[in-house]
C-alpha atoms as a PDB file:
ATOM      1  CA  UNK A   1     -22.427 -33.709 -31.350  1.00  0.00           C
ATOM      2  CA  UNK A   2     -24.001 -30.931 -33.393  1.00  0.00           C
ATOM      3  CA  UNK A   3     -24.888 -31.519 -37.028  1.00  0.00           C
ATOM      4  CA  UNK A   4     -24.350 -28.889 -39.688  1.00  0.00           C
ATOM      5  CA  UNK A   5     -27.422 -27.469 -41.414  1.00  0.00           C
ATOM      6  CA  UNK A   6     -27.188 -29.707 -44.499  1.00  0.00           C
ATOM      7  CA  UNK A   7     -27.034 -32.921 -42.443  1.00  0.00           C
ATOM      8  CA  UNK A   8     -29.925 -31.821 -40.236  1.00  0.00           C
ATOM      9  CA  UNK A   9     -31.967 -30.960 -43.330  1.00  0.00           C
ATOM     10  CA  UNK A  10     -31.218 -34.370 -44.826  1.00  0.00           C
ATOM     11  CA  UNK A  11     -32.399 -36.074 -41.642  1.00  0.00           C
ATOM     12  CA  UNK A  12     -35.614 -34.063 -41.466  1.00  0.00           C
ATOM     13  CA  UNK A  13     -36.545 -34.533 -45.099  1.00  0.00           C
ATOM     14  CA  UNK A  14     -35.127 -37.879 -46.116  1.00  0.00           C
ATOM     15  CA  UNK A  15     -34.753 -40.367 -43.288  1.00  0.00           C
ATOM     16  CA  UNK A  16     -38.473 -40.864 -42.639  1.00  0.00           C
ATOM     17  CA  UNK A  17     -39.508 -41.110 -46.314  1.00  0.00           C
ATOM     18  CA  UNK A  18     -40.975 -44.174 -48.007  1.00  0.00           C
ATOM     19  CA  UNK A  19     -39.179 -45.435 -51.117  1.00  0.00           C
ATOM     20  CA  UNK A  20     -41.522 -43.829 -53.653  1.00  0.00           C
ATOM     21  CA  UNK A  21     -41.391 -40.516 -51.788  1.00  0.00           C
ATOM     22  CA  UNK A  22     -37.593 -40.703 -51.738  1.00  0.00           C
ATOM     23  CA  UNK A  23     -37.361 -40.669 -55.524  1.00  0.00           C
ATOM     24  CA  UNK A  24     -39.232 -37.373 -55.672  1.00  0.00           C
ATOM     25  CA  UNK A  25     -37.241 -35.968 -52.755  1.00  0.00           C
ATOM     26  CA  UNK A  26     -33.898 -36.744 -54.440  1.00  0.00           C
ATOM     27  CA  UNK A  27     -34.786 -34.308 -57.210  1.00  0.00           C
ATOM     28  CA  UNK A  28     -35.847 -31.584 -54.765  1.00  0.00           C
ATOM     29  CA  UNK A  29     -32.590 -31.934 -52.777  1.00  0.00           C
ATOM     30  CA  UNK A  30     -30.498 -31.826 -55.954  1.00  0.00           C
ATOM     31  CA  UNK A  31     -28.662 -35.034 -55.038  1.00  0.00           C
ATOM     32  CA  UNK A  32     -28.085 -38.175 -57.012  1.00  0.00           C
ATOM     33  CA  UNK A  33     -29.485 -41.354 -55.452  1.00  0.00           C
ATOM     34  CA  UNK A  34     -25.926 -42.564 -54.828  1.00  0.00           C
ATOM     35  CA  UNK A  35     -24.933 -39.356 -53.014  1.00  0.00           C
ATOM     36  CA  UNK A  36     -28.091 -39.481 -50.951  1.00  0.00           C
ATOM     37  CA  UNK A  37     -27.393 -43.099 -49.970  1.00  0.00           C
ATOM     38  CA  UNK A  38     -23.785 -42.281 -49.037  1.00  0.00           C
ATOM     39  CA  UNK A  39     -24.829 -39.336 -46.873  1.00  0.00           C
ATOM     40  CA  UNK A  40     -27.491 -41.328 -45.062  1.00  0.00           C
ATOM     41  CA  UNK A  41     -25.052 -44.208 -44.546  1.00  0.00           C
ATOM     42  CA  UNK A  42     -22.520 -41.748 -43.072  1.00  0.00           C
ATOM     43  CA  UNK A  43     -25.146 -40.412 -40.643  1.00  0.00           C
ATOM     44  CA  UNK A  44     -26.155 -43.968 -39.673  1.00  0.00           C
ATOM     45  CA  UNK A  45     -22.509 -44.801 -39.011  1.00  0.00           C
ATOM     46  CA  UNK A  46     -22.107 -41.679 -36.848  1.00  0.00           C
ATOM     47  CA  UNK A  47     -25.200 -42.643 -34.875  1.00  0.00           C
ATOM     48  CA  UNK A  48     -24.202 -46.308 -34.619  1.00  0.00           C
ATOM     49  CA  UNK A  49     -27.513 -47.529 -36.055  1.00  0.00           C
ATOM     50  CA  UNK A  50     -28.474 -49.876 -38.885  1.00  0.00           C
ATOM     51  CA  UNK A  51     -31.770 -48.515 -40.239  1.00  0.00           C
ATOM     52  CA  UNK A  52     -33.259 -45.156 -41.248  1.00  0.00           C
ATOM     53  CA  UNK A  53     -35.942 -45.643 -38.590  1.00  0.00           C
ATOM     54  CA  UNK A  54     -33.280 -46.041 -35.908  1.00  0.00           C
ATOM     55  CA  UNK A  55     -31.473 -43.013 -37.328  1.00  0.00           C
ATOM     56  CA  UNK A  56     -34.599 -40.875 -36.975  1.00  0.00           C
ATOM     57  CA  UNK A  57     -35.087 -41.955 -33.367  1.00  0.00           C
ATOM     58  CA  UNK A  58     -31.436 -41.369 -32.536  1.00  0.00           C
ATOM     59  CA  UNK A  59     -31.502 -37.937 -34.176  1.00  0.00           C
ATOM     60  CA  UNK A  60     -34.491 -36.826 -32.103  1.00  0.00           C
ATOM     61  CA  UNK A  61     -33.199 -38.290 -28.817  1.00  0.00           C
ATOM     62  CA  UNK A  62     -29.821 -36.605 -29.250  1.00  0.00           C
ATOM     63  CA  UNK A  63     -31.186 -33.248 -30.384  1.00  0.00           C
ATOM     64  CA  UNK A  64     -29.934 -33.457 -33.963  1.00  0.00           C
ATOM     65  CA  UNK A  65     -33.437 -32.565 -35.202  1.00  0.00           C
ATOM     66  CA  UNK A  66     -36.750 -31.558 -33.653  1.00  0.00           C
ATOM     67  CA  UNK A  67     -39.439 -34.253 -33.538  1.00  0.00           C
ATOM     68  CA  UNK A  68     -42.251 -34.072 -36.068  1.00  0.00           C
ATOM     69  CA  UNK A  69     -45.531 -32.859 -34.595  1.00  0.00           C
ATOM     70  CA  UNK A  70     -48.037 -35.620 -33.986  1.00  0.00           C
ATOM     71  CA  UNK A  71     -50.190 -36.386 -36.994  1.00  0.00           C
ATOM     72  CA  UNK A  72     -53.940 -36.315 -36.435  1.00  0.00           C
ATOM     73  CA  UNK A  73     -55.742 -39.648 -36.718  1.00  0.00           C
ATOM     74  CA  UNK A  74     -57.514 -40.022 -40.076  1.00  0.00           C
ATOM     75  CA  UNK A  75     -61.253 -39.811 -39.529  1.00  0.00           C
END
């Protein structure tokens, strides 16, 4: 399955976000919180997963998005 550009963008920018980061991201994506929730729920249903964390893993394993580069350890 290949995702369209808007779904891939949503996965890259939204799925891994913490709750407080999500509120800011909703404004930058131009989506209402309800629309954002519906779109993520649709992607989770397509992937057959129950959490955003599982969705991110599924998306990377199945080539929907590229993995994030490793973050350096804080020193």
